């Protein structure tokens, strides 16, 4: 087995917090099971020697047929016990190892900076957390124990053969290096085509996801067939890569098995050359034993080629997951602190995505109980400021504070307990309305949920639904209108009752009637809270305590609405531009 395969298995076990010793125990007993299978051959060989040859007794306690039958019975019982323990422990240990690995992976993804998560397509994360994990699970539950025992058992058999007759052993195994060489030389190409197949599979999955999500738009612009043709080409590419994987996977395995089958023939040829005259002597018993041992040795080795191919495929998945596990997470404090007030402060904060600087040396303060609005052109960094407030990622320089404490000292969990967020892109799960609202506080009673619904102006539409508050909202809330989804999000934030609210103006894309309903709910949410809001319609922030104007990640203007208009700068330009749209 190649070193990379061992490293892949070792890394998964190292990440696991449970099950590893059960897995090791299972592997040991699987090896013992296969090793004990050699013992009956040695007993039969010993019995033949005692019956037909005058050789010293190596095992004097074996003298009668009953003794041999009892010894054989003990071997079979031992094999049965080892098989049961090996199967049970390796299966249970394998599933415990993979379960712990899966939990660690999901927790790691949960603690990744939001920017890192957004760089990966949702279909790719889905593939990693389902298909890739399933491949690794298959390796541990079925392949790894059998592969290790299939490699160790022949080594034990070879030691026995060398002990009995070194010349026979070496002559029989002369072709084994060639068989392993075949698997080794094909490894690089196999890994290459397997990697290409995975990349093609990911692209196909992303294309399918995008096609389904954008189907309404594609139909509207009569582009559904064009995208379908593009998808068909992508699937054809995936098929070709899959065929290459089969060719470079099955071809070397078949060659490997053919070479192994030649080993027994080579042994007979070498024996015929060394012993041209056939005589019934001790040599014949040794020859018979060697032939039987060779068959026993070749049986597990035949399996190794197939196991290695499957293992190398799974290694591609493990390496992908290892990249995710090596991604740095947000550093959490050993002793999280709690702020004494809820002022928000940015001190010379800069942040960049890759090489692009998104926020550049930004400073401001939002006193507790006041509202600060952020305005600016698309791509100026408004959403990034909100994400920094919620500690979805840390700044590259400077610091973000709540109540005078750096968010790094409060910790992500503490920050998220202090903050509620309502964005335009509302995230609802495919569950009931009550379950979606209760995400704000899981221990909330039904009455508290209903009170939040009432305050968020939700009861107007909830009471008209077939199952009321227990009605399912569909995938991403698609069974509800935009305004209804917004009010559920507001009810969720009200139920959480956090002292800080981060708001990406939720009324920007709503019709006037729905907008007024959402504004009523929003005012109930924002009362007596520290608020940071992104403003798309400047008319909605005339009453904000403070406004900052962003341009290319920098604060170019700040002040209240009237002061900014008096400056006749960027804010005035934005205000006049929007005013002209409604003339």
Foldseek 3Di string as FASTA:
>chain_A
DDPLLVVLVVVLQVQFPDLNVLQVLLLVLLLVLLQLVLVLLVLVLLVVCVVPHPDDRPDVQDDDPVSSVVVVVVSVVSSVVSNVSNLVSQQVSLVSSLVRSLVLLVVLLVQAQPLVVVVDDPLVVVCLSPVLSVLSSCCSNPQVSLLSSLVVNLVVLLVVLCVVPVVLSCQLCVLVVVLVVLLVVLLVVLLVLLLVLVVLVSVLSRLVVCCVVCVVVCVVVVNNVVSVVVSVVSVVSSVVSVVSNCCSQVVSLVVSLVSLVCSLVSSVVVVCVVDVDDDPDSVVSSVVSSSVSSVSSSVSVNVNSNSVSSSSSSSSSSVVSVVSVPRDGQQADPQADAAPAFKKWWALFWAADVPATQAGGDTDIFHWQFEEEEEEDPSLNQVVVVSCQLPSDDTPDTFMDTNPDGCRRNGNVSSNLQEAEAEQQFAAAQFFLLVRLCVLPVPDDPVLLVVLCVLLVQQVVQVVDPVRRRDTQPHRSPNDDSLNSRSSSLSSLVSSVHQEYEYADNLPPPDPVSSVSNVSSVVSSSGRHGYYYYDPQVVVQQPGQKYFYGGSNYTPDMGHPVVVCVVVPDSVVSNVVVVVVVD
